[in-house]
Amino acid sequence: MEKKSSVLNWILFFVSVAAFFVFYFSPLANYITATLPFICYYLAKALDLI
């Protein structure tokens, strides 16, 4: 079994976290919860939990 690279998942995780803070400090703060599933999913993928 080959070990897959998780670099893309880490990049997408950090992009999701950045989007979280952009929404947090913007007038669109109502949409902040839309970023939480992406943060959790890409963190779990990057850590090879799923």
N, C-alpha and C. Protein backbone atom coordinates (compact mmCIF):
# COMPACT_ATOMS: atom_id res chain seq x y z
N MET A 1 0.84 -1.18 0.00
CA MET A 1 0.00 0.00 0.00
C MET A 1 0.89 1.24 0.00
N GLU A 2 0.63 2.13 -0.91
CA GLU A 2 1.40 3.36 -1.02
C GLU A 2 0.86 4.43 -0.09
N LYS A 3 1.78 5.20 0.46
CA LYS A 3 1.37 6.31 1.31
C LYS A 3 1.05 7.51 0.42
N LYS A 4 -0.15 8.03 0.55
CA LYS A 4 -0.56 9.17 -0.27
C LYS A 4 -0.05 10.46 0.36
N SER A 5 0.26 11.42 -0.48
CA SER A 5 0.70 12.72 -0.01
C SER A 5 -0.50 13.51 0.48
N SER A 6 -0.35 14.13 1.62
CA SER A 6 -1.46 14.90 2.17
C SER A 6 -1.22 16.41 2.07
N VAL A 7 -0.28 16.79 1.21
CA VAL A 7 0.04 18.22 1.07
C VAL A 7 -1.17 19.01 0.60
N LEU A 8 -1.89 18.48 -0.39
CA LEU A 8 -3.07 19.18 -0.89
C LEU A 8 -4.12 19.33 0.20
N ASN A 9 -4.30 18.31 1.01
CA ASN A 9 -5.28 18.39 2.10
C ASN A 9 -4.87 19.42 3.15
N TRP A 10 -3.57 19.52 3.43
CA TRP A 10 -3.11 20.55 4.37
C TRP A 10 -3.34 21.95 3.79
N ILE A 11 -3.07 22.11 2.51
CA ILE A 11 -3.28 23.41 1.87
C ILE A 11 -4.76 23.79 1.93
N LEU A 12 -5.63 22.84 1.61
CA LEU A 12 -7.07 23.12 1.64
C LEU A 12 -7.55 23.37 3.07
N PHE A 13 -6.94 22.72 4.05
CA PHE A 13 -7.27 22.98 5.46
C PHE A 13 -6.93 24.42 5.82
N PHE A 14 -5.73 24.86 5.46
CA PHE A 14 -5.33 26.23 5.81
C PHE A 14 -6.12 27.27 5.03
N VAL A 15 -6.51 26.96 3.81
CA VAL A 15 -7.38 27.86 3.05
C VAL A 15 -8.74 27.96 3.73
N SER A 16 -9.25 26.86 4.24
CA SER A 16 -10.53 26.86 4.94
C SER A 16 -10.45 27.67 6.23
N VAL A 17 -9.35 27.55 6.94
CA VAL A 17 -9.16 28.33 8.16
C VAL A 17 -9.06 29.81 7.83
N ALA A 18 -8.38 30.14 6.75
CA ALA A 18 -8.29 31.54 6.33
C ALA A 18 -9.66 32.08 5.96
N ALA A 19 -10.45 31.27 5.25
CA ALA A 19 -11.82 31.69 4.91
C ALA A 19 -12.65 31.89 6.16
N PHE A 20 -12.45 31.06 7.17
CA PHE A 20 -13.15 31.20 8.44
C PHE A 20 -12.90 32.58 9.04
N PHE A 21 -11.62 32.99 9.07
CA PHE A 21 -11.30 34.29 9.66
C PHE A 21 -11.74 35.45 8.78
N VAL A 22 -11.73 35.26 7.48
CA VAL A 22 -12.25 36.31 6.58
C VAL A 22 -13.73 36.54 6.86
N PHE A 23 -14.48 35.45 6.97
CA PHE A 23 -15.90 35.59 7.27
C PHE A 23 -16.13 36.13 8.67
N TYR A 24 -15.25 35.78 9.61
CA TYR A 24 -15.40 36.24 10.99
C TYR A 24 -15.28 37.76 11.10
N PHE A 25 -14.37 38.34 10.34
CA PHE A 25 -14.13 39.77 10.42
C PHE A 25 -14.86 40.57 9.35
N SER A 26 -15.70 39.93 8.56
CA SER A 26 -16.42 40.63 7.51
C SER A 26 -17.89 40.81 7.89
N PRO A 27 -18.61 41.64 7.15
CA PRO A 27 -20.04 41.79 7.41
C PRO A 27 -20.84 40.52 7.08
N LEU A 28 -20.21 39.56 6.42
CA LEU A 28 -20.88 38.30 6.07
C LEU A 28 -20.72 37.26 7.17
N ALA A 29 -20.64 37.70 8.42
CA ALA A 29 -20.38 36.80 9.54
C ALA A 29 -21.46 35.74 9.71
N ASN A 30 -22.62 35.93 9.09
CA ASN A 30 -23.68 34.93 9.19
C ASN A 30 -23.29 33.63 8.51
N TYR A 31 -22.34 33.68 7.59
CA TYR A 31 -21.94 32.50 6.83
C TYR A 31 -20.71 31.80 7.42
N ILE A 32 -20.32 32.17 8.62
CA ILE A 32 -19.11 31.61 9.22
C ILE A 32 -19.23 30.10 9.43
N THR A 33 -20.42 29.62 9.73
CA THR A 33 -20.59 28.19 9.98
C THR A 33 -20.48 27.36 8.70
N ALA A 34 -20.54 27.99 7.55
CA ALA A 34 -20.39 27.26 6.29
C ALA A 34 -18.96 26.76 6.11
N THR A 35 -18.00 27.36 6.80
CA THR A 35 -16.61 26.93 6.65
C THR A 35 -16.24 25.80 7.60
N LEU A 36 -17.01 25.57 8.65
CA LEU A 36 -16.65 24.57 9.65
C LEU A 36 -16.60 23.14 9.12
N PRO A 37 -17.53 22.69 8.27
CA PRO A 37 -17.40 21.33 7.74
C PRO A 37 -16.14 21.14 6.91
N PHE A 38 -15.74 22.16 6.16
CA PHE A 38 -14.53 22.05 5.35
C PHE A 38 -13.29 21.96 6.24
N ILE A 39 -13.27 22.73 7.32
CA ILE A 39 -12.14 22.70 8.24
C ILE A 39 -12.01 21.31 8.84
N CYS A 40 -13.10 20.77 9.33
CA CYS A 40 -13.06 19.44 9.96
C CYS A 40 -12.71 18.35 8.96
N TYR A 41 -13.29 18.40 7.77
CA TYR A 41 -13.05 17.37 6.77
C TYR A 41 -11.60 17.36 6.31
N TYR A 42 -11.06 18.53 5.96
CA TYR A 42 -9.69 18.55 5.44
C TYR A 42 -8.66 18.30 6.53
N LEU A 43 -8.96 18.63 7.78
CA LEU A 43 -8.06 18.29 8.87
C LEU A 43 -8.01 16.78 9.05
N ALA A 44 -9.16 16.14 9.01
CA ALA A 44 -9.19 14.68 9.15
C ALA A 44 -8.51 14.00 7.97
N LYS A 45 -8.70 14.52 6.76
CA LYS A 45 -8.03 13.95 5.59
C LYS A 45 -6.51 14.15 5.67
N ALA A 46 -6.08 15.31 6.13
CA ALA A 46 -4.65 15.59 6.21
C ALA A 46 -3.97 14.72 7.27
N LEU A 47 -4.69 14.40 8.33
CA LEU A 47 -4.14 13.55 9.38
C LEU A 47 -4.32 12.07 9.08
N ASP A 48 -4.86 11.75 7.92
CA ASP A 48 -5.13 10.36 7.48
C ASP A 48 -6.07 9.62 8.43
N LEU A 49 -7.05 10.33 8.96
CA LEU A 49 -8.04 9.70 9.82
C LEU A 49 -9.15 9.07 8.99
N ILE A 50 -9.39 9.63 7.80
CA ILE A 50 -10.39 9.05 6.90
C ILE A 50 -9.77 8.85 5.53
